Amino acid sequence: MIEYEITEEDYINFNLHHVQNSPSQKKLFNLVAYILPVLLVPGVYFLGTEIFEQSGLYWAIMAVGIYVLWIYVYPKIYRKTLKNQSLKLLKEGDNSSLFGKKKLNIMEDPWLVIEEDMTSSLPKSRIKEVKEYDDMILLYLSAVSVHIIPKRYLSEKDISNIRTILE
C-alpha cells in the first residue's frame, strides 16, 4: 500500500508538466516565443529608422537585442502565467477532492485508490500512458484525466514496483 498526499503545489506542477508536453501547447509556445518576435523585429527597425529617423544600424542592433531578450524572458513569463492561471482555477470552486491523503494498492488488479471519503478501482487496462518526472508519476486515464503520485512519498522499491507492474 502506497500512502501519499496531493497538495496544491503538486497540482500546479502537474499542470506545468502537462502543458509543456502537450503538442498543441508546444505549437502555441513556439509561435509566441520565436515566430511572433521575428515578425515584429522588422516593425521595430522600420519605426526606428523611418519615424525616429535614427541610424539603421542602431535600430537593427536594438531589434535583435529585443528578440534575444524576448527569447530569454518569455519562457519564464509563460511558466509564471501558467502557474497563476492554475491557482485562479483552483480558487473558482470547491476542489478539495483533488487534494488530500490517498492510499494506492497496486498489488492487485484493479488497483484501489482510497481517499478520505471514497474508494475507487483503477483497472490497469484503463491506464493509457505513464509519465515519470523527477517529482511525480502521472497515470493518464485519458488526455484530461490523470492520477498524480508525488514521488516524495515513494521509496525506490515503490517506484520500481509501479514501473514493473505497468510494463
Protein backbone atom coordinates (compact mmCIF):
# COMPACT_ATOMS: atom_id res chain seq x y z
CA MET A 1 0.00 0.00 0.00
CA ILE A 2 1.42 3.36 -1.04
CA GLU A 3 0.35 6.36 1.03
CA TYR A 4 0.73 9.88 -0.31
CA GLU A 5 -0.79 13.34 -0.24
CA ILE A 6 -1.57 15.59 -3.17
CA THR A 7 -1.05 19.28 -2.49
CA GLU A 8 -1.86 22.42 -4.44
CA GLU A 9 1.80 22.57 -5.48
CA ASP A 10 1.59 19.02 -6.89
CA TYR A 11 -1.45 20.01 -8.94
CA ILE A 12 0.29 23.11 -10.29
CA ASN A 13 3.41 21.10 -11.16
CA PHE A 14 1.24 18.53 -12.92
CA ASN A 15 -0.33 21.30 -15.00
CA LEU A 16 3.11 22.66 -15.90
CA HIS A 17 4.33 19.18 -16.92
CA HIS A 18 1.16 18.54 -18.90
CA VAL A 19 1.19 21.82 -20.79
CA GLN A 20 4.90 21.60 -21.57
CA ASN A 21 4.33 18.19 -23.17
CA SER A 22 1.07 18.94 -24.98
CA PRO A 23 1.57 19.16 -28.77
CA SER A 24 -0.95 22.00 -29.14
CA GLN A 25 0.64 23.98 -26.29
CA LYS A 26 4.12 23.43 -27.72
CA LYS A 27 2.94 24.91 -31.03
CA LEU A 28 1.45 27.93 -29.28
CA PHE A 29 4.58 28.42 -27.18
CA ASN A 30 6.85 28.24 -30.25
CA LEU A 31 4.64 30.65 -32.16
CA VAL A 32 4.70 33.28 -29.42
CA ALA A 33 8.31 32.68 -28.37
CA TYR A 34 10.01 32.57 -31.77
CA ILE A 35 7.79 33.36 -34.76
CA LEU A 36 5.91 36.38 -33.43
CA PRO A 37 9.12 38.22 -32.49
CA VAL A 38 10.61 37.50 -35.94
CA LEU A 39 7.55 39.18 -37.45
CA LEU A 40 7.81 42.16 -35.08
CA VAL A 41 11.57 42.80 -35.47
CA PRO A 42 11.18 44.42 -38.94
CA GLY A 43 8.49 46.68 -37.46
CA VAL A 44 10.86 47.85 -34.73
CA TYR A 45 13.54 48.52 -37.33
CA PHE A 46 11.09 50.39 -39.59
CA LEU A 47 9.73 52.52 -36.74
CA GLY A 48 13.20 53.39 -35.61
CA THR A 49 14.60 54.35 -38.99
CA GLU A 50 11.54 55.98 -40.59
CA ILE A 51 9.68 57.61 -37.73
CA PHE A 52 12.51 58.44 -35.36
CA GLU A 53 14.92 58.97 -38.25
CA GLN A 54 17.85 57.40 -36.47
CA SER A 55 20.65 55.20 -37.73
CA GLY A 56 19.61 51.90 -39.30
CA LEU A 57 22.48 50.12 -37.55
CA TYR A 58 21.29 51.38 -34.16
CA TRP A 59 17.77 50.07 -34.76
CA ALA A 60 19.00 46.81 -36.25
CA ILE A 61 21.00 46.18 -33.07
CA MET A 62 18.03 47.27 -30.97
CA ALA A 63 15.65 44.93 -32.84
CA VAL A 64 17.99 41.94 -32.49
CA GLY A 65 18.51 42.78 -28.81
CA ILE A 66 14.76 42.84 -28.21
CA TYR A 67 14.43 39.48 -30.00
CA VAL A 68 17.20 37.87 -27.91
CA LEU A 69 15.77 39.32 -24.69
CA TRP A 70 12.29 38.02 -25.57
CA ILE A 71 13.60 34.50 -26.24
CA TYR A 72 15.30 34.56 -22.83
CA VAL A 73 12.45 36.13 -20.83
CA TYR A 74 9.34 34.60 -22.44
CA PRO A 75 9.74 31.04 -21.05
CA LYS A 76 9.83 32.49 -17.53
CA ILE A 77 6.76 34.64 -18.22
CA TYR A 78 4.99 31.62 -19.73
CA ARG A 79 5.65 29.39 -16.68
CA LYS A 80 4.56 32.12 -14.28
CA THR A 81 1.37 32.76 -16.28
CA LEU A 82 0.53 29.03 -16.31
CA LYS A 83 1.10 28.82 -12.57
CA ASN A 84 -1.11 31.85 -11.91
CA GLN A 85 -3.87 30.51 -14.17
CA SER A 86 -3.80 27.18 -12.34
CA LEU A 87 -4.09 28.97 -8.99
CA LYS A 88 -7.04 31.03 -10.25
CA LEU A 89 -8.82 27.90 -11.49
CA LEU A 90 -8.34 26.22 -8.13
CA LYS A 91 -9.95 29.17 -6.35
CA GLU A 92 -13.07 29.11 -8.57
CA GLY A 93 -14.88 26.42 -6.63
CA ASP A 94 -14.58 23.52 -4.25
CA ASN A 95 -11.64 21.48 -5.46
CA SER A 96 -10.97 19.76 -2.16
CA SER A 97 -11.45 16.33 -3.76
CA LEU A 98 -8.29 16.93 -5.83
CA PHE A 99 -6.15 17.21 -2.73
CA GLY A 100 -5.55 15.31 0.43
CA LYS A 101 -4.26 12.00 1.64
CA LYS A 102 -4.64 8.96 -0.57
CA LYS A 103 -3.67 5.32 -0.48
CA LEU A 104 -2.95 3.25 -3.54
CA ASN A 105 -2.96 -0.53 -3.51
CA ILE A 106 -1.05 -1.71 -6.59
CA MET A 107 -0.67 -5.37 -5.67
CA GLU A 108 -3.88 -6.50 -7.34
CA ASP A 109 -5.77 -5.63 -10.49
CA PRO A 110 -7.80 -3.47 -10.29
CA TRP A 111 -5.73 -1.07 -8.23
CA LEU A 112 -7.58 0.54 -5.35
CA VAL A 113 -7.40 4.28 -4.77
CA ILE A 114 -8.54 5.05 -1.25
CA GLU A 115 -9.36 8.63 -0.28
CA GLU A 116 -10.93 10.12 2.85
CA ASP A 117 -14.49 9.88 1.60
CA MET A 118 -14.37 7.36 -1.24
CA THR A 119 -12.66 4.34 -2.70
CA SER A 120 -12.36 3.75 -6.41
CA SER A 121 -10.95 0.96 -8.50
CA LEU A 122 -8.45 1.54 -11.25
CA PRO A 123 -8.03 -1.36 -13.68
CA LYS A 124 -4.52 -1.32 -15.14
CA SER A 125 -6.11 -1.57 -18.60
CA ARG A 126 -7.57 1.95 -18.11
CA ILE A 127 -4.09 3.47 -17.79
CA LYS A 128 -3.36 4.82 -21.27
CA GLU A 129 0.01 6.40 -20.59
CA VAL A 130 2.52 6.74 -17.78
CA LYS A 131 4.85 9.71 -17.50
CA GLU A 132 7.56 9.94 -14.90
CA TYR A 133 9.23 13.15 -13.80
CA ASP A 134 11.70 13.98 -11.04
CA ASP A 135 8.88 14.92 -8.70
CA MET A 136 5.92 12.75 -9.73
CA ILE A 137 4.50 9.84 -11.65
CA LEU A 138 1.44 10.57 -13.77
CA LEU A 139 -1.00 7.81 -14.71
CA TYR A 140 -3.08 9.09 -17.62
CA LEU A 141 -6.54 7.56 -17.98
CA SER A 142 -7.31 9.90 -20.88
CA ALA A 143 -5.94 13.15 -22.28
CA VAL A 144 -7.67 15.05 -19.45
CA SER A 145 -7.88 12.55 -16.58
CA VAL A 146 -4.84 11.62 -14.54
CA HIS A 147 -3.76 10.14 -11.22
CA ILE A 148 -0.91 12.12 -9.70
CA ILE A 149 1.53 10.25 -7.47
CA PRO A 150 4.13 12.53 -5.85
CA LYS A 151 7.49 10.77 -5.66
CA ARG A 152 8.45 12.31 -2.33
CA TYR A 153 6.30 9.64 -0.64
CA LEU A 154 7.68 6.74 -2.67
CA SER A 155 10.63 4.53 -1.91
CA GLU A 156 12.82 3.27 -4.73
CA LYS A 157 11.06 -0.07 -4.28
CA ASP A 158 7.62 1.55 -4.74
CA ILE A 159 8.78 3.30 -7.91
CA SER A 160 10.30 0.09 -9.21
CA ASN A 161 7.08 -1.84 -8.45
CA ILE A 162 4.96 0.72 -10.31
CA ARG A 163 7.27 0.59 -13.33
CA THR A 164 7.32 -3.22 -13.35
CA ILE A 165 3.57 -3.62 -12.96
CA LEU A 166 2.83 -1.16 -15.76
CA GLU A 167 5.28 -2.61 -18.28
